Amino acid sequence: MEDNKNDSHRLILERRKKLDALKESGNNYLNNFSGNTSCEQIRKISNEDNIVDNEKKRFIIMGRMMSKRIMGKSSFANIKDESGSMQFYVDKKMFSAEQFKIFKSSDIGDIIYVEGYLFKTKTDELTLFAGDFNLITKSLRPLPEKFHGLSDQEIKYRKRYLDLICNKDSWNTFNDRFKIIKAVRNFFDNKGFIEVETPMMQKIPGGATARPFVTHHNTLNIDLYMRIAPELYLKRLIVGGFEKIYEINRNFRNEGVSSKHNPEFTMIEFYQTYCNYFDMMDTTEELLKYVVNQVKGKSLINYQGHDLDFGKPFKRMTLKNSILEHERNLKKDDINDIDKLTKFCNKENIDISKYSSIGEIQFALFEKIVESNLLEPTFITEYPIEVSPLARVNNENSLIADRFEFFIMGKEIANGFSELNDPDDQRRRFENQAALKDDGDEEAMYFDEDYIEALEYGMPPTAGEGIGIDRLVMILTNSPSIRDVLLFPLMR
């Protein structure tokens, strides 16, 4: 390890000497070039007539040099830009002594300028015959060794810029991430939704059960909370007259870090008036089929060895039925018997010590027994009202909410429901949450009097949903950890 550090330090000193010599020579090279053509553009037009072997058709490419082979008077090197890479050829006889010296002293990782015409080698590889070469930016630090690349997972997360330079798969993952977000945005724009913005710093955090991050505003001398969800502000906009809105937002929750959790994460929340949670499930299914086809170009994808067919109808089942399907030792009558469920949980070492109602115990059972087994795209409906503080109560059964959650590969991807628009009922729900907070539950919701006042002006029947963008990206890029799809994940 010490030898590697010494070698790296020696190489950095050597590169600094090269940079100093270049500056002393009077070469004003830094950031002084424009008008380049991408590698991809050159490949696209290379089949046109009179392009290859035409010395008058000259192109400029600027990018990072990734390899170099000097063989006497002839040299081959490789340049990479965002679109791809291309080989270029240097003939010493075509360069001045000073120009060839610059090329010869250039290093892997340098940002370079190459100008020339196209030809094909004996192996039929499209190549740029360099007539001009210069250095744009000196890379003072050597890239990881060519044949091994950057393999240390922690370094990949901590030095994402190096990961993107060295690992094409990582670059493709994030390129797909941005395509996914663009496709999601296009879907809702085409549906007539309006993209809106809500505060990221809030006096009262709301819209989810989570522990918030706290900050302080010095001028106003008040504590503020980083947003845990935009929900209550978005529904204020519904009260104000917007009927179809969405926000692609960053949220912050003061929770643990795992393969599925990062304290800072991205979601889309969307709301539509005069519809219900069944409509939201239909929209979700339509959205995901659209995004998968836009980004992957097909309906069938593979995640960690498991085929997922987004062309098929998504499965739908109630929470109770999902428990019975995955736990054969429970009978249909048992699911509504709190004594039998308590006995079963104690036998299976499922901790329900903080729960007092049958709905909470059913939810605990679902999380323990069912959730991780929901591999195919699946909607789970009819959640207990006790664990759904912002959802509308079902008309036929007051014990359940008009709510669903959506799962793929054991990961919760979305949560949606018909919105609670009864201010009196919402006040009671907030009071219950406040009591939980008083009892020490740091994730319980805060009481938001202004939101209740907004509901008292009347909110039309509305359904809404939040979709976790990061987890969706994990599925569509075959990434096992949320850190693999966050450019800069939180590290210890």
Protein backbone atom coordinates (compact mmCIF):
# COMPACT_ATOMS: atom_id res chain seq x y z
CA MET A 1 0.00 0.00 0.00
CA GLU A 2 2.84 2.38 0.91
CA ASP A 3 4.59 1.57 -2.40
CA ASN A 4 1.39 2.46 -4.31
CA LYS A 5 1.21 5.81 -2.52
CA ASN A 6 4.85 6.54 -3.32
CA ASP A 7 4.34 5.61 -7.00
CA SER A 8 1.28 7.83 -7.21
CA HIS A 9 3.13 10.73 -5.58
CA ARG A 10 6.03 10.29 -8.00
CA LEU A 11 3.70 10.31 -11.01
CA ILE A 12 1.93 13.44 -9.80
CA LEU A 13 5.29 15.22 -9.44
CA GLU A 14 6.27 14.13 -12.95
CA ARG A 15 3.01 15.43 -14.40
CA ARG A 16 3.39 18.75 -12.58
CA LYS A 17 6.86 19.13 -14.10
CA LYS A 18 5.38 18.53 -17.55
CA LEU A 19 2.72 21.16 -16.88
CA ASP A 20 5.30 23.68 -15.67
CA ALA A 21 7.46 23.04 -18.74
CA LEU A 22 4.46 23.54 -21.00
CA LYS A 23 3.62 26.85 -19.36
CA GLU A 24 7.23 28.02 -19.51
CA SER A 25 7.33 27.26 -23.24
CA GLY A 26 4.66 29.89 -23.77
CA ASN A 27 1.99 27.43 -24.88
CA ASN A 28 -1.28 29.15 -24.00
CA TYR A 29 -3.26 25.92 -24.07
CA LEU A 30 -5.76 26.12 -21.24
CA ASN A 31 -9.47 26.28 -22.22
CA ASN A 32 -8.77 27.95 -25.54
CA PHE A 33 -10.55 25.69 -28.03
CA SER A 34 -14.05 25.37 -29.49
CA GLY A 35 -15.95 23.83 -32.36
CA ASN A 36 -15.55 20.13 -31.69
CA THR A 37 -17.49 17.22 -33.21
CA SER A 38 -18.43 14.30 -30.96
CA CYS A 39 -17.17 10.78 -31.59
CA GLU A 40 -20.75 9.62 -32.11
CA GLN A 41 -21.44 12.33 -34.69
CA ILE A 42 -18.31 11.36 -36.62
CA ARG A 43 -19.32 7.69 -36.64
CA LYS A 44 -22.81 8.58 -37.88
CA ILE A 45 -21.52 10.56 -40.85
CA SER A 46 -18.62 8.24 -41.65
CA ASN A 47 -20.76 6.27 -44.11
CA GLU A 48 -21.47 9.34 -46.20
CA ASP A 49 -19.79 9.57 -49.59
CA ASN A 50 -16.50 11.40 -49.82
CA ILE A 51 -15.89 11.51 -46.06
CA VAL A 52 -13.32 8.78 -45.42
CA ASP A 53 -9.82 9.30 -46.91
CA ASN A 54 -10.71 12.85 -47.89
CA GLU A 55 -7.96 15.08 -46.49
CA LYS A 56 -10.07 18.17 -47.07
CA LYS A 57 -12.88 16.92 -44.77
CA ARG A 58 -11.38 17.66 -41.39
CA PHE A 59 -12.86 17.17 -37.95
CA ILE A 60 -12.05 18.36 -34.43
CA ILE A 61 -12.52 16.11 -31.42
CA MET A 62 -11.93 17.19 -27.84
CA GLY A 63 -12.02 14.80 -24.91
CA ARG A 64 -9.96 12.67 -22.54
CA MET A 65 -7.05 10.57 -23.78
CA MET A 66 -7.56 7.00 -22.57
CA SER A 67 -4.67 5.17 -24.23
CA LYS A 68 -1.47 5.90 -26.17
CA ARG A 69 0.98 3.66 -28.05
CA ILE A 70 4.12 5.36 -29.40
CA MET A 71 5.88 3.17 -31.98
CA GLY A 72 8.78 5.17 -33.35
CA LYS A 73 7.46 7.63 -35.91
CA SER A 74 3.92 6.23 -35.82
CA SER A 75 1.59 6.35 -32.82
CA PHE A 76 -1.96 5.38 -32.03
CA ALA A 77 -4.05 6.80 -29.20
CA ASN A 78 -7.66 6.81 -28.08
CA ILE A 79 -9.82 9.81 -27.20
CA LYS A 80 -13.11 9.59 -25.25
CA ASP A 81 -15.93 12.08 -24.93
CA GLU A 82 -19.46 11.82 -23.59
CA SER A 83 -20.74 10.08 -26.71
CA GLY A 84 -18.07 7.37 -26.97
CA SER A 85 -14.46 6.96 -28.06
CA MET A 86 -12.34 6.99 -31.22
CA GLN A 87 -8.86 6.01 -32.23
CA PHE A 88 -6.54 8.62 -33.72
CA TYR A 89 -3.20 8.24 -35.50
CA VAL A 90 -0.13 10.46 -35.22
CA ASP A 91 2.60 10.49 -37.86
CA LYS A 92 5.70 12.22 -36.49
CA LYS A 93 6.56 13.51 -39.98
CA MET A 94 3.27 15.49 -40.06
CA PHE A 95 3.99 17.32 -36.79
CA SER A 96 6.48 20.00 -35.90
CA ALA A 97 9.12 19.03 -33.36
CA GLU A 98 7.39 21.10 -30.66
CA GLN A 99 3.97 19.69 -31.50
CA PHE A 100 5.18 16.07 -31.40
CA LYS A 101 6.94 16.80 -28.11
CA ILE A 102 3.61 17.90 -26.64
CA PHE A 103 1.95 14.72 -27.87
CA LYS A 104 4.76 12.49 -26.66
CA SER A 105 4.76 14.05 -23.18
CA SER A 106 0.97 13.89 -22.86
CA ASP A 107 -0.44 11.42 -20.35
CA ILE A 108 -3.43 9.11 -20.07
CA GLY A 109 -6.24 11.19 -18.58
CA ASP A 110 -5.23 14.49 -20.21
CA ILE A 111 -7.97 16.51 -21.91
CA ILE A 112 -6.78 16.94 -25.48
CA TYR A 113 -7.55 18.53 -28.84
CA VAL A 114 -7.19 16.46 -32.04
CA GLU A 115 -7.88 17.68 -35.56
CA GLY A 116 -7.61 15.65 -38.74
CA TYR A 117 -9.33 13.60 -41.43
CA LEU A 118 -10.87 10.12 -41.35
CA PHE A 119 -9.36 6.92 -42.67
CA LYS A 120 -9.66 3.20 -41.92
CA THR A 121 -6.84 1.00 -40.72
CA LYS A 122 -5.97 -2.42 -42.13
CA THR A 123 -8.32 -3.90 -39.52
CA ASP A 124 -11.10 -1.60 -40.82
CA GLU A 125 -11.18 0.56 -37.68
CA LEU A 126 -12.38 4.12 -38.25
CA THR A 127 -9.51 6.40 -37.21
CA LEU A 128 -8.71 10.11 -37.24
CA PHE A 129 -5.43 10.95 -38.98
CA ALA A 130 -4.19 13.75 -36.74
CA GLY A 131 -2.93 16.89 -38.43
CA ASP A 132 -3.01 18.92 -35.25
CA PHE A 133 -2.79 18.05 -31.56
CA ASN A 134 -2.74 20.06 -28.39
CA LEU A 135 -3.29 19.77 -24.68
CA ILE A 136 -6.36 21.48 -23.23
CA THR A 137 -6.24 20.43 -19.57
CA LYS A 138 -3.46 18.53 -17.83
CA SER A 139 -4.53 15.58 -15.68
CA LEU A 140 -2.20 15.85 -12.69
CA ARG A 141 -3.33 12.58 -11.15
CA PRO A 142 -2.99 9.21 -12.92
CA LEU A 143 -6.13 7.21 -13.63
CA PRO A 144 -6.45 3.72 -12.11
CA GLU A 145 -4.36 1.06 -13.83
CA LYS A 146 -5.71 0.34 -17.31
CA PHE A 147 -6.54 -3.36 -17.04
CA HIS A 148 -8.02 -3.29 -13.54
CA GLY A 149 -9.78 0.06 -13.56
CA LEU A 150 -11.61 1.35 -10.53
CA SER A 151 -12.94 -1.68 -8.65
CA ASP A 152 -13.04 -0.55 -5.01
CA GLN A 153 -16.74 -0.03 -4.32
CA GLU A 154 -16.26 2.55 -1.60
CA ILE A 155 -13.94 4.64 -3.77
CA LYS A 156 -16.55 4.47 -6.52
CA TYR A 157 -19.08 6.08 -4.17
CA ARG A 158 -16.70 8.62 -2.65
CA LYS A 159 -15.02 9.64 -5.91
CA ARG A 160 -17.86 9.35 -8.36
CA TYR A 161 -16.06 11.52 -10.92
CA LEU A 162 -13.30 8.87 -11.11
CA ASP A 163 -15.89 6.09 -11.32
CA LEU A 164 -17.55 7.83 -14.28
CA ILE A 165 -14.22 8.26 -16.09
CA CYS A 166 -13.12 4.65 -15.64
CA ASN A 167 -16.31 2.58 -15.62
CA LYS A 168 -18.56 2.73 -18.65
CA ASP A 169 -21.25 0.71 -16.82
CA SER A 170 -21.49 3.38 -14.12
CA TRP A 171 -21.73 6.12 -16.72
CA ASN A 172 -24.51 4.19 -18.48
CA THR A 173 -26.39 3.76 -15.20
CA PHE A 174 -26.54 7.48 -14.58
CA ASN A 175 -27.28 8.25 -18.20
CA ASP A 176 -30.26 5.88 -17.85
CA ARG A 177 -31.23 7.59 -14.57
CA PHE A 178 -31.58 10.93 -16.31
CA LYS A 179 -33.48 9.31 -19.19
CA ILE A 180 -35.89 7.78 -16.66
CA ILE A 181 -36.54 11.13 -14.99
CA LYS A 182 -37.01 12.76 -18.39
CA ALA A 183 -39.47 10.04 -19.42
CA VAL A 184 -41.44 10.45 -16.18
CA ARG A 185 -41.61 14.21 -16.73
CA ASN A 186 -42.68 13.77 -20.35
CA PHE A 187 -45.43 11.33 -19.35
CA PHE A 188 -47.05 13.76 -16.93
CA ASP A 189 -46.55 16.77 -19.19
CA ASN A 190 -48.30 14.89 -22.00
CA LYS A 191 -51.15 14.06 -19.60
CA GLY A 192 -51.74 17.76 -18.92
CA PHE A 193 -50.17 17.87 -15.45
CA ILE A 194 -48.42 21.05 -14.32
CA GLU A 195 -44.98 20.80 -12.71
CA VAL A 196 -44.86 22.85 -9.51
CA GLU A 197 -42.41 23.69 -6.71
CA THR A 198 -42.90 23.56 -2.95
CA PRO A 199 -40.61 24.53 -0.04
CA MET A 200 -37.67 22.35 0.93
CA MET A 201 -37.38 24.12 4.29
CA GLN A 202 -40.58 23.98 6.33
CA LYS A 203 -41.71 25.30 9.70
CA ILE A 204 -43.75 22.11 10.22
CA PRO A 205 -42.61 18.93 8.49
CA GLY A 206 -45.46 16.83 7.17
CA GLY A 207 -46.73 14.46 4.53
CA ALA A 208 -45.06 11.34 5.91
CA THR A 209 -44.13 9.57 9.11
CA ALA A 210 -40.39 10.16 9.39
CA ARG A 211 -37.80 11.83 11.57
CA PRO A 212 -36.76 15.15 10.01
CA PHE A 213 -33.46 17.00 9.86
CA VAL A 214 -33.50 20.25 11.83
CA THR A 215 -31.77 23.50 10.86
CA HIS A 216 -31.93 27.07 12.13
CA HIS A 217 -32.64 30.38 10.39
CA ASN A 218 -30.47 32.98 12.09
CA THR A 219 -32.26 36.15 10.94
CA LEU A 220 -35.74 34.94 11.87
CA ASN A 221 -34.35 33.01 14.85
CA ILE A 222 -36.55 30.00 14.16
CA ASP A 223 -35.93 26.30 13.68
CA LEU A 224 -36.79 24.89 10.27
CA TYR A 225 -37.07 21.32 9.05
CA MET A 226 -35.82 19.83 5.81
CA ARG A 227 -38.70 18.48 3.77
CA ILE A 228 -39.65 14.85 4.43
CA ALA A 229 -42.39 14.99 1.76
CA PRO A 230 -44.10 17.70 -0.31
CA GLU A 231 -47.59 16.25 0.17
CA LEU A 232 -49.28 18.82 2.39
CA TYR A 233 -48.05 21.75 0.28
CA LEU A 234 -49.13 20.07 -2.94
CA LYS A 235 -52.60 19.51 -1.50
CA ARG A 236 -52.74 23.17 -0.50
CA LEU A 237 -52.30 23.88 -4.22
CA ILE A 238 -55.23 21.56 -4.96
CA VAL A 239 -57.33 23.64 -2.53
CA GLY A 240 -56.13 26.71 -4.43
CA GLY A 241 -57.56 25.44 -7.71
CA PHE A 242 -54.88 23.38 -9.45
CA GLU A 243 -56.34 20.07 -10.62
CA LYS A 244 -53.42 18.05 -12.06
CA ILE A 245 -49.99 18.74 -10.57
CA TYR A 246 -46.68 16.98 -9.95
CA GLU A 247 -43.32 17.71 -8.37
CA ILE A 248 -40.05 15.84 -8.86
CA ASN A 249 -38.58 16.60 -5.48
CA ARG A 250 -35.70 15.94 -3.09
CA ASN A 251 -36.67 14.77 0.38
CA PHE A 252 -34.62 14.37 3.54
CA ARG A 253 -35.29 11.84 6.28
CA ASN A 254 -33.10 11.40 9.33
CA GLU A 255 -32.94 7.64 9.12
CA GLY A 256 -30.46 4.82 8.67
CA VAL A 257 -28.49 4.04 5.53
CA SER A 258 -28.97 0.72 3.72
CA SER A 259 -29.12 -0.75 0.24
CA LYS A 260 -32.65 0.71 -0.04
CA HIS A 261 -32.34 3.91 2.01
CA ASN A 262 -30.40 7.14 1.72
CA PRO A 263 -31.24 10.15 3.94
CA GLU A 264 -31.51 12.33 0.82
CA PHE A 265 -33.60 10.87 -1.99
CA THR A 266 -35.71 11.76 -5.02
CA MET A 267 -39.44 11.22 -5.48
CA ILE A 268 -42.20 12.29 -7.77
CA GLU A 269 -45.52 13.16 -6.14
CA PHE A 270 -48.57 13.82 -8.29
CA TYR A 271 -52.19 14.71 -7.55
CA GLN A 272 -55.34 14.74 -9.63
CA THR A 273 -58.81 15.95 -8.64
CA TYR A 274 -62.04 14.05 -9.23
CA CYS A 275 -60.45 10.61 -9.30
CA ASN A 276 -59.65 7.87 -6.78
CA TYR A 277 -56.87 5.48 -5.86
CA PHE A 278 -57.97 2.97 -8.49
CA ASP A 279 -57.29 5.67 -11.09
CA MET A 280 -53.87 6.18 -9.52
CA MET A 281 -53.07 2.48 -9.92
CA ASP A 282 -54.09 2.64 -13.57
CA THR A 283 -51.91 5.73 -14.07
CA THR A 284 -48.97 4.05 -12.33
CA GLU A 285 -49.19 0.98 -14.53
CA GLU A 286 -49.42 3.13 -17.66
CA LEU A 287 -46.51 5.30 -16.49
CA LEU A 288 -44.15 2.41 -15.79
CA LYS A 289 -44.92 0.63 -19.05
CA TYR A 290 -44.19 3.92 -20.86
CA VAL A 291 -40.94 4.60 -18.99
CA VAL A 292 -39.60 1.06 -19.43
CA ASN A 293 -40.23 1.12 -23.17
CA GLN A 294 -38.82 4.64 -23.57
CA VAL A 295 -35.60 3.87 -21.69
CA LYS A 296 -35.02 0.17 -22.38
CA GLY A 297 -36.81 -0.16 -25.72
CA LYS A 298 -38.60 -3.33 -24.60
CA SER A 299 -41.00 -4.59 -21.95
CA LEU A 300 -38.94 -7.50 -20.61
CA ILE A 301 -36.00 -6.60 -18.38
CA ASN A 302 -33.83 -8.53 -15.94
CA TYR A 303 -33.12 -7.52 -12.35
CA GLN A 304 -30.47 -9.47 -10.47
CA GLY A 305 -31.23 -12.66 -12.40
CA HIS A 306 -35.03 -12.32 -12.29
CA ASP A 307 -37.02 -11.52 -15.44
CA LEU A 308 -39.63 -8.78 -15.09
CA ASP A 309 -42.26 -8.43 -17.80
CA PHE A 310 -43.77 -4.95 -17.78
CA GLY A 311 -45.92 -5.87 -20.75
CA LYS A 312 -48.23 -7.99 -18.56
CA PRO A 313 -51.01 -6.55 -16.35
CA PHE A 314 -49.70 -5.76 -12.87
CA LYS A 315 -50.92 -7.96 -10.04
CA ARG A 316 -53.35 -6.52 -7.46
CA MET A 317 -54.28 -8.00 -4.07
CA THR A 318 -55.42 -6.81 -0.65
CA LEU A 319 -53.03 -6.67 2.28
CA LYS A 320 -54.91 -9.38 4.15
CA ASN A 321 -54.99 -11.73 1.17
CA SER A 322 -51.28 -11.21 0.59
CA ILE A 323 -50.58 -12.33 4.18
CA LEU A 324 -52.73 -15.43 3.75
CA GLU A 325 -51.05 -16.24 0.43
CA HIS A 326 -47.55 -16.09 1.90
CA GLU A 327 -48.27 -17.59 5.34
CA ARG A 328 -50.00 -20.99 5.13
CA ASN A 329 -50.17 -21.36 8.91
CA LEU A 330 -52.74 -18.57 9.12
CA LYS A 331 -56.38 -19.22 8.20
CA LYS A 332 -58.86 -16.72 6.82
CA ASP A 333 -60.61 -16.32 10.18
CA ASP A 334 -57.29 -15.78 11.98
CA ILE A 335 -56.46 -12.60 10.08
CA ASN A 336 -59.20 -10.65 11.90
CA ASP A 337 -58.61 -12.16 15.35
CA ILE A 338 -56.21 -10.03 17.39
CA ASP A 339 -55.56 -12.77 19.95
CA LYS A 340 -54.66 -15.35 17.31
CA LEU A 341 -52.49 -12.85 15.43
CA THR A 342 -50.70 -11.85 18.64
CA LYS A 343 -50.05 -15.49 19.49
CA PHE A 344 -48.73 -16.14 15.98
CA CYS A 345 -46.40 -13.11 16.11
CA ASN A 346 -45.01 -14.14 19.48
CA LYS A 347 -44.37 -17.64 18.15
CA GLU A 348 -42.58 -16.28 15.05
CA ASN A 349 -40.62 -13.67 17.06
CA ILE A 350 -42.27 -10.77 15.25
CA ASP A 351 -41.99 -7.69 17.46
CA ILE A 352 -45.42 -6.06 17.91
CA SER A 353 -44.75 -4.58 21.34
CA LYS A 354 -45.47 -1.02 20.20
CA TYR A 355 -48.76 -1.94 18.49
CA SER A 356 -52.16 -2.09 20.14
CA SER A 357 -54.66 -2.45 17.28
CA ILE A 358 -55.29 -5.34 14.93
CA GLY A 359 -54.63 -3.12 11.92
CA GLU A 360 -51.13 -2.28 13.15
CA ILE A 361 -50.42 -5.97 13.79
CA GLN A 362 -51.64 -6.90 10.31
CA PHE A 363 -49.33 -4.26 8.87
CA ALA A 364 -46.38 -5.57 10.92
CA LEU A 365 -47.10 -9.08 9.63
CA PHE A 366 -47.23 -7.83 6.07
CA GLU A 367 -43.86 -6.09 6.37
CA LYS A 368 -42.25 -9.15 7.93
CA ILE A 369 -43.77 -11.96 5.87
CA VAL A 370 -44.91 -10.55 2.54
CA GLU A 371 -43.05 -7.46 1.42
CA SER A 372 -39.70 -9.02 0.51
CA ASN A 373 -41.49 -11.73 -1.53
CA LEU A 374 -43.34 -9.37 -3.86
CA LEU A 375 -41.08 -9.80 -6.88
CA GLU A 376 -43.40 -9.14 -9.80
CA PRO A 377 -44.95 -5.64 -10.15
CA THR A 378 -47.73 -5.81 -7.52
CA PHE A 379 -50.26 -3.41 -6.01
CA ILE A 380 -51.23 -4.09 -2.39
CA THR A 381 -54.54 -2.46 -1.40
CA GLU A 382 -56.80 -1.96 1.64
CA TYR A 383 -54.24 -0.82 4.21
CA PRO A 384 -55.35 -0.51 7.84
CA ILE A 385 -56.57 2.99 8.65
CA GLU A 386 -54.24 3.17 11.68
CA VAL A 387 -51.16 3.26 9.43
CA SER A 388 -52.67 5.62 6.86
CA PRO A 389 -53.00 9.03 8.58
CA LEU A 390 -53.56 11.03 5.38
CA ALA A 391 -55.72 8.60 3.39
CA ARG A 392 -59.49 8.61 3.00
CA VAL A 393 -61.45 5.98 4.97
CA ASN A 394 -63.18 3.35 2.86
CA ASN A 395 -66.97 3.80 2.47
CA GLU A 396 -67.83 0.16 3.18
CA ASN A 397 -65.21 -0.64 5.83
CA SER A 398 -64.08 2.00 8.30
CA LEU A 399 -61.10 -0.15 9.34
CA ILE A 400 -59.31 0.26 6.02
CA ALA A 401 -58.12 3.16 3.91
CA ASP A 402 -58.55 3.74 0.20
CA ARG A 403 -54.83 3.22 -0.23
CA PHE A 404 -52.31 1.10 -2.08
CA GLU A 405 -48.58 0.51 -2.15
CA PHE A 406 -46.72 -0.74 -5.19
CA PHE A 407 -43.83 -3.23 -5.03
CA ILE A 408 -41.22 -4.64 -7.40
CA MET A 409 -38.54 -7.13 -6.33
CA GLY A 410 -39.45 -6.72 -2.66
CA LYS A 411 -38.99 -2.94 -2.79
CA GLU A 412 -41.74 -0.43 -2.11
CA ILE A 413 -41.75 1.76 -5.21
CA ALA A 414 -44.91 3.81 -4.70
CA ASN A 415 -47.56 4.79 -2.16
CA GLY A 416 -50.90 6.28 -3.19
CA PHE A 417 -54.40 6.84 -1.95
CA SER A 418 -57.64 8.72 -2.22
CA GLU A 419 -56.89 11.83 -0.22
CA LEU A 420 -58.52 12.62 3.09
CA ASN A 421 -60.35 15.91 2.52
CA ASP A 422 -62.49 15.97 5.69
CA PRO A 423 -60.87 18.59 7.97
CA ASP A 424 -62.47 17.19 11.14
CA ASP A 425 -61.26 13.67 10.42
CA GLN A 426 -57.82 15.03 9.53
CA ARG A 427 -57.72 16.90 12.85
CA ARG A 428 -58.44 13.65 14.71
CA ARG A 429 -55.71 11.86 12.77
CA PHE A 430 -53.21 14.62 13.58
CA GLU A 431 -54.19 14.45 17.23
CA ASN A 432 -53.50 10.70 17.23
CA GLN A 433 -50.11 11.33 15.64
CA ALA A 434 -49.34 14.05 18.19
CA ALA A 435 -50.13 11.62 21.00
CA LEU A 436 -47.70 9.11 19.51
CA LYS A 437 -45.03 11.82 19.32
CA ASP A 438 -45.64 12.73 22.96
CA ASP A 439 -45.11 9.06 23.79
CA GLY A 440 -41.67 9.17 22.16
CA ASP A 441 -42.34 8.23 18.52
CA GLU A 442 -39.92 10.53 16.69
CA GLU A 443 -41.36 9.55 13.29
CA ALA A 444 -44.96 10.49 14.11
CA MET A 445 -46.43 13.45 12.23
CA TYR A 446 -46.51 16.99 13.53
CA PHE A 447 -49.84 18.74 14.01
CA ASP A 448 -50.33 21.23 11.14
CA GLU A 449 -53.12 23.67 11.98
CA ASP A 450 -52.66 25.69 8.79
CA TYR A 451 -53.19 22.59 6.65
CA ILE A 452 -56.44 21.84 8.45
CA GLU A 453 -57.52 25.43 7.89
CA ALA A 454 -56.80 24.98 4.16
CA LEU A 455 -59.01 21.87 4.12
CA GLU A 456 -61.79 23.87 5.77
CA TYR A 457 -61.97 25.98 2.61
CA GLY A 458 -62.80 22.77 0.74
CA MET A 459 -60.57 20.35 -1.18
CA PRO A 460 -62.25 18.51 -4.05
CA PRO A 461 -62.12 14.70 -4.13
CA THR A 462 -58.48 13.98 -5.04
CA ALA A 463 -56.11 11.07 -5.39
CA GLY A 464 -52.35 11.34 -5.05
CA GLU A 465 -49.24 9.24 -5.12
CA GLY A 466 -45.51 9.29 -4.46
CA ILE A 467 -43.05 7.19 -6.45
CA GLY A 468 -39.46 6.64 -5.33
CA ILE A 469 -37.31 7.58 -8.28
CA ASP A 470 -34.12 6.09 -6.84
CA ARG A 471 -35.65 2.65 -6.28
CA LEU A 472 -37.25 2.72 -9.72
CA VAL A 473 -33.85 3.51 -11.22
CA MET A 474 -32.37 0.59 -9.27
CA ILE A 475 -34.84 -1.78 -10.93
CA LEU A 476 -34.41 -0.43 -14.45
CA THR A 477 -30.59 -0.36 -14.28
CA ASN A 478 -30.16 -3.72 -12.52
CA SER A 479 -28.44 -2.03 -9.57
CA PRO A 480 -28.40 -3.92 -6.23
CA SER A 481 -27.88 -0.87 -3.99
CA ILE A 482 -29.38 2.61 -3.91
CA ARG A 483 -25.82 3.95 -3.70
CA ASP A 484 -25.22 2.64 -7.21
CA VAL A 485 -27.84 5.04 -8.61
CA LEU A 486 -27.02 8.13 -6.52
CA LEU A 487 -24.22 10.23 -7.92
CA PHE A 488 -23.06 11.29 -4.47
CA PRO A 489 -24.53 8.99 -1.78
CA LEU A 490 -24.07 9.86 1.88
CA MET A 491 -20.99 8.14 3.30
CA ARG A 492 -19.75 7.89 6.86
